[in-house]
């Protein structure tokens, strides 16, 4: 088996998760890491990464890798993807690619002309439950889809410092649900109506964002989808989807750490999602 050499740019919360996963995979070697934070560089050092730097340019110049994972702040994504593509590296980038559609199209043109592979972090397409829903809809098991319902609630909001540069709830969190709404039924969106507010943390509102939202989507064929979001679900990570169609309905519900149920005189207890 050929070993694929990786570099990781950005070792914040998600970058650390990606690094830890890569280090457990066969046929993968992480040879370089980059982050401006000393604490994050120390994390890489403690994981025995050979080349560690605070500069993305230095990371690209190091060169001894074929794939780069970009897990840095949103406002760096477009430039980092472009530089990686021009250096001939395949790129995995966390979403979103950029907050400007014009800039996204510019970067995609560079990627195409460079002949490299680019993948964005829309992980729910690979979740086995959501993937099964997609497959059943595609096979016609529910007939013609009429309604899609998506619930997406996080166990807690990211730091306000992150939220300020993330693009906001719709571009940072709901973006996964926009992707899933299209992916699960294979349709494009014609109309969007969204309503949001601040209900969990006033500091999020002070930063110019919202933490709770409901979105109604109308597909090109007139069918509809509804998404509800919250940054803070007290009971854990809540991800559910439902597709209702002319012949039936298919649902995917939350995964749990275990499936136990404790029945007592006080009620029924189980694991959090």
Protein backbone atom coordinates (compact mmCIF):
# COMPACT_ATOMS: atom_id res chain seq x y z
CA UNK A 1 0.00 0.00 0.00
CA UNK A 2 1.32 3.42 -0.98
CA UNK A 3 1.52 5.93 1.86
CA UNK A 4 -0.28 9.24 1.28
CA UNK A 5 1.46 12.19 2.88
CA UNK A 6 -0.73 14.89 4.43
CA UNK A 7 -0.27 18.40 5.77
CA UNK A 8 -2.78 20.05 8.12
CA UNK A 9 -3.32 23.82 8.11
CA UNK A 10 -5.14 24.97 11.23
CA UNK A 11 -5.24 23.06 14.51
CA UNK A 12 -8.23 24.57 16.24
CA UNK A 13 -11.12 22.38 17.39
CA UNK A 14 -11.89 20.76 14.03
CA UNK A 15 -8.24 20.68 12.95
CA UNK A 16 -7.31 18.66 16.03
CA UNK A 17 -10.15 16.21 15.26
CA UNK A 18 -8.93 15.76 11.68
CA UNK A 19 -5.33 15.33 12.81
CA UNK A 20 -6.30 12.71 15.40
CA UNK A 21 -8.30 10.80 12.79
CA UNK A 22 -5.48 10.89 10.24
CA UNK A 23 -2.99 9.58 12.80
CA UNK A 24 -5.17 6.51 13.30
CA UNK A 25 -5.47 5.65 9.61
CA UNK A 26 -3.37 3.10 7.74
CA UNK A 27 -1.57 4.26 4.63
CA UNK A 28 -1.51 7.86 5.85
CA UNK A 29 1.40 9.91 7.16
CA UNK A 30 0.99 13.44 8.49
CA UNK A 31 4.30 15.12 7.71
CA UNK A 32 3.52 18.79 8.36
CA UNK A 33 1.24 21.07 10.34
CA UNK A 34 0.67 24.80 10.52
CA UNK A 35 -1.03 27.12 13.01
CA UNK A 36 -0.23 30.65 14.23
CA UNK A 37 -1.06 29.62 17.80
CA UNK A 38 1.81 28.35 19.95
CA UNK A 39 -0.58 26.08 21.86
CA UNK A 40 -1.72 24.47 18.61
CA UNK A 41 1.83 24.02 17.36
CA UNK A 42 2.66 22.34 20.66
CA UNK A 43 -0.26 19.97 20.03
CA UNK A 44 1.34 19.02 16.71
CA UNK A 45 4.73 18.59 18.38
CA UNK A 46 3.22 16.30 21.02
CA UNK A 47 1.84 14.19 18.19
CA UNK A 48 5.31 13.90 16.62
CA UNK A 49 4.57 15.85 13.46
CA UNK A 50 7.98 16.32 11.75
CA UNK A 51 7.51 19.80 10.25
CA UNK A 52 5.61 22.48 12.20
CA UNK A 53 5.27 26.13 11.25
CA UNK A 54 3.18 29.24 11.92
CA UNK A 55 3.19 30.23 8.24
CA UNK A 56 1.00 28.77 5.49
CA UNK A 57 3.53 29.89 2.87
CA UNK A 58 6.23 27.93 4.69
CA UNK A 59 3.93 24.92 4.84
CA UNK A 60 3.37 25.03 1.08
CA UNK A 61 7.09 25.56 0.45
CA UNK A 62 7.92 22.49 2.53
CA UNK A 63 6.29 20.56 -0.28
CA UNK A 64 6.83 16.95 0.79
CA UNK A 65 3.15 16.00 0.79
CA UNK A 66 0.39 15.41 -1.75
CA UNK A 67 -2.74 16.40 0.21
CA UNK A 68 -3.45 19.38 2.43
CA UNK A 69 -6.30 19.69 4.94
CA UNK A 70 -7.43 23.28 5.48
CA UNK A 71 -9.05 23.72 8.89
CA UNK A 72 -8.16 27.37 9.46
CA UNK A 73 -10.62 30.29 9.93
CA UNK A 74 -13.17 30.92 7.19
CA UNK A 75 -11.53 34.10 5.93
CA UNK A 76 -8.40 32.13 4.96
CA UNK A 77 -10.06 29.28 3.07
CA UNK A 78 -10.16 30.75 -0.44
CA UNK A 79 -6.56 31.96 -0.43
CA UNK A 80 -5.26 28.74 1.12
CA UNK A 81 -7.15 26.53 -1.36
CA UNK A 82 -5.89 28.63 -4.26
CA UNK A 83 -2.27 28.46 -3.06
CA UNK A 84 -2.52 24.72 -2.48
CA UNK A 85 -3.98 24.12 -5.94
CA UNK A 86 -1.29 26.22 -7.62
CA UNK A 87 1.30 24.13 -5.76
CA UNK A 88 -0.26 20.96 -7.21
CA UNK A 89 -1.72 19.68 -3.94
CA UNK A 90 -5.05 17.92 -3.59
CA UNK A 91 -7.12 19.83 -1.03
CA UNK A 92 -9.68 19.05 1.63
CA UNK A 93 -11.17 22.29 2.98
CA UNK A 94 -13.64 22.89 5.75
CA UNK A 95 -16.75 24.76 4.72
CA UNK A 96 -17.44 27.39 3.55
CA UNK A 97 -14.97 27.95 0.75
CA UNK A 98 -15.58 31.69 1.05
CA UNK A 99 -18.32 34.15 2.02
CA UNK A 100 -18.34 35.67 -1.49
CA UNK A 101 -19.83 33.70 -4.38
CA UNK A 102 -17.63 35.64 -6.81
CA UNK A 103 -14.51 34.61 -4.89
CA UNK A 104 -15.71 30.99 -4.73
CA UNK A 105 -16.02 30.89 -8.52
CA UNK A 106 -12.53 32.39 -8.91
CA UNK A 107 -11.02 29.71 -6.68
CA UNK A 108 -12.89 26.89 -8.42
CA UNK A 109 -11.52 28.10 -11.75
CA UNK A 110 -7.96 27.90 -10.36
CA UNK A 111 -8.65 24.42 -8.96
CA UNK A 112 -10.01 23.21 -12.31
CA UNK A 113 -7.10 24.66 -14.26
CA UNK A 114 -4.58 23.16 -11.81
CA UNK A 115 -6.03 19.67 -12.26
CA UNK A 116 -6.12 18.90 -8.54
CA UNK A 117 -8.90 17.39 -6.44
CA UNK A 118 -10.89 19.62 -4.05
CA UNK A 119 -13.31 18.36 -1.43
CA UNK A 120 -15.31 20.47 1.03
CA UNK A 121 -16.25 19.18 4.48
CA UNK A 122 -19.89 18.28 3.97
CA UNK A 123 -19.59 15.24 6.20
CA UNK A 124 -23.28 14.39 6.51
CA UNK A 125 -23.31 13.04 2.96
CA UNK A 126 -21.20 10.19 4.37
CA UNK A 127 -23.19 9.62 7.57
CA UNK A 128 -24.57 6.08 7.20
CA UNK A 129 -28.08 7.09 8.33
CA UNK A 130 -28.40 10.11 6.03
CA UNK A 131 -26.76 8.19 3.19
CA UNK A 132 -29.40 5.45 3.56
CA UNK A 133 -32.18 8.04 3.31
CA UNK A 134 -30.59 9.40 0.13
CA UNK A 135 -30.33 5.91 -1.37
CA UNK A 136 -33.95 5.01 -0.57
CA UNK A 137 -35.26 8.26 -2.04
CA UNK A 138 -33.16 7.74 -5.17
CA UNK A 139 -34.53 4.19 -5.51
CA UNK A 140 -38.09 5.53 -5.39
CA UNK A 141 -38.99 3.87 -2.09
CA UNK A 142 -41.07 6.87 -0.96
CA UNK A 143 -42.32 7.78 -4.43
CA UNK A 144 -42.14 11.42 -5.45
CA UNK A 145 -40.73 13.47 -2.54
CA UNK A 146 -43.15 16.13 -1.31
CA UNK A 147 -41.67 17.35 1.98
CA UNK A 148 -38.20 17.29 3.56
CA UNK A 149 -37.78 18.03 7.27
CA UNK A 150 -34.32 18.60 8.77
CA UNK A 151 -33.54 19.21 12.43
CA UNK A 152 -30.01 20.37 13.17
CA UNK A 153 -29.13 21.42 16.73
CA UNK A 154 -25.66 21.62 18.23
CA UNK A 155 -24.91 20.80 21.89
CA UNK A 156 -23.28 24.21 22.32
CA UNK A 157 -22.19 27.24 20.35
CA UNK A 158 -18.57 27.82 19.35
CA UNK A 159 -16.69 30.72 20.98
CA UNK A 160 -17.94 34.19 20.08
CA UNK A 161 -14.46 34.96 18.70
CA UNK A 162 -15.05 32.19 16.14
CA UNK A 163 -18.61 33.27 15.38
CA UNK A 164 -17.45 36.81 14.53
CA UNK A 165 -15.43 35.54 11.54
CA UNK A 166 -17.51 32.48 10.63
CA UNK A 167 -20.03 34.19 8.35
CA UNK A 168 -22.84 33.57 10.82
CA UNK A 169 -25.18 30.70 11.60
CA UNK A 170 -26.46 30.25 8.03
CA UNK A 171 -23.01 30.04 6.44
CA UNK A 172 -21.35 28.17 9.30
CA UNK A 173 -24.00 25.74 10.56
CA UNK A 174 -27.10 25.72 8.34
CA UNK A 175 -24.81 25.32 5.32
CA UNK A 176 -24.73 21.58 6.13
CA UNK A 177 -28.54 21.48 6.03
CA UNK A 178 -28.73 23.45 2.79
CA UNK A 179 -26.38 20.87 1.30
CA UNK A 180 -28.38 17.96 2.71
CA UNK A 181 -31.71 19.41 1.52
CA UNK A 182 -30.38 19.34 -2.05
CA UNK A 183 -28.44 16.09 -1.77
CA UNK A 184 -31.09 13.90 -0.19
CA UNK A 185 -33.66 14.43 -2.96
CA UNK A 186 -31.40 15.50 -5.84
CA UNK A 187 -33.21 18.79 -6.42
CA UNK A 188 -32.17 22.43 -6.64
CA UNK A 189 -33.68 25.27 -4.61
CA UNK A 190 -35.77 28.06 -6.13
CA UNK A 191 -36.84 30.06 -3.07
CA UNK A 192 -35.58 30.54 0.50
CA UNK A 193 -37.36 32.12 3.46
CA UNK A 194 -35.52 32.33 6.78
CA UNK A 195 -36.31 33.69 10.23
CA UNK A 196 -33.72 33.86 13.01
CA UNK A 197 -33.33 35.20 16.51
CA UNK A 198 -31.12 35.06 19.60
CA UNK A 199 -32.45 32.85 22.40
CA UNK A 200 -29.48 31.10 24.02
CA UNK A 201 -26.62 33.60 24.36
CA UNK A 202 -26.92 37.42 24.15
CA UNK A 203 -23.20 37.66 23.29
CA UNK A 204 -23.95 35.96 19.97
CA UNK A 205 -26.44 38.71 19.17
CA UNK A 206 -23.92 41.36 20.20
CA UNK A 207 -21.53 39.80 17.67
CA UNK A 208 -24.15 40.33 14.97
CA UNK A 209 -25.32 36.74 14.66
CA UNK A 210 -28.30 34.56 15.65
CA UNK A 211 -28.45 31.22 17.45
CA UNK A 212 -31.91 29.91 16.53
CA UNK A 213 -33.54 29.75 13.09
CA UNK A 214 -36.27 28.25 10.95
CA UNK A 215 -35.82 28.05 7.16
CA UNK A 216 -38.41 27.18 4.51
CA UNK A 217 -37.10 26.09 1.11
CA UNK A 218 -39.07 25.68 -2.11
CA UNK A 219 -37.55 23.40 -4.74
CA UNK A 220 -37.67 24.12 -8.48
CA UNK A 221 -40.61 21.70 -8.84
CA UNK A 222 -42.64 23.38 -6.07
CA UNK A 223 -42.05 20.79 -3.35
CA UNK A 224 -40.74 22.04 0.00
CA UNK A 225 -38.28 21.58 2.83
CA UNK A 226 -38.17 22.92 6.38
CA UNK A 227 -34.98 23.27 8.48
CA UNK A 228 -34.85 24.14 12.17
CA UNK A 229 -31.57 25.10 13.84
CA UNK A 230 -30.31 25.82 17.33
CA UNK A 231 -26.79 26.46 18.55
CA UNK A 232 -27.56 24.93 21.93
CA UNK A 233 -29.55 21.73 22.59
CA UNK A 234 -29.30 20.89 26.30
CA UNK A 235 -29.64 17.17 25.58
CA UNK A 236 -26.80 16.82 23.03
CA UNK A 237 -26.11 16.74 19.29
CA UNK A 238 -29.47 16.50 17.52
CA UNK A 239 -29.42 15.59 13.81
CA UNK A 240 -32.55 14.20 12.17
CA UNK A 241 -33.99 14.09 8.67
CA UNK A 242 -37.29 13.00 7.14
CA UNK A 243 -38.47 12.73 3.54
CA UNK A 244 -42.21 12.36 2.97
CA UNK A 245 -43.37 11.28 -0.48
CA UNK A 246 -46.27 9.97 -2.55
CA UNK A 247 -45.62 6.34 -1.52
CA UNK A 248 -44.35 6.72 2.02
CA UNK A 249 -41.83 8.29 4.35
CA UNK A 250 -38.25 7.63 5.41
CA UNK A 251 -36.53 8.99 8.53
CA UNK A 252 -33.04 9.02 10.02
CA UNK A 253 -32.81 9.74 13.72
CA UNK A 254 -30.03 10.47 16.18
CA UNK A 255 -27.18 8.13 16.97
CA UNK A 256 -26.68 7.35 20.66
CA UNK A 257 -23.64 6.24 22.62
CA UNK A 258 -25.63 3.14 23.53
CA UNK A 259 -29.21 1.92 23.15
CA UNK A 260 -30.03 1.16 26.78
CA UNK A 261 -33.37 2.11 28.32
CA UNK A 262 -33.82 2.16 32.11
CA UNK A 263 -37.44 1.80 33.23
CA UNK A 264 -38.22 2.72 36.86
CA UNK A 265 -41.03 4.26 38.88
CA UNK A 266 -39.50 7.66 38.05
CA UNK A 267 -39.78 7.14 34.32
CA UNK A 268 -37.62 6.01 31.39
CA UNK A 269 -33.97 6.99 31.00
CA UNK A 270 -31.49 6.53 28.15
CA UNK A 271 -28.28 7.88 26.62
CA UNK A 272 -28.08 11.37 25.18
CA UNK A 273 -27.58 11.77 21.41
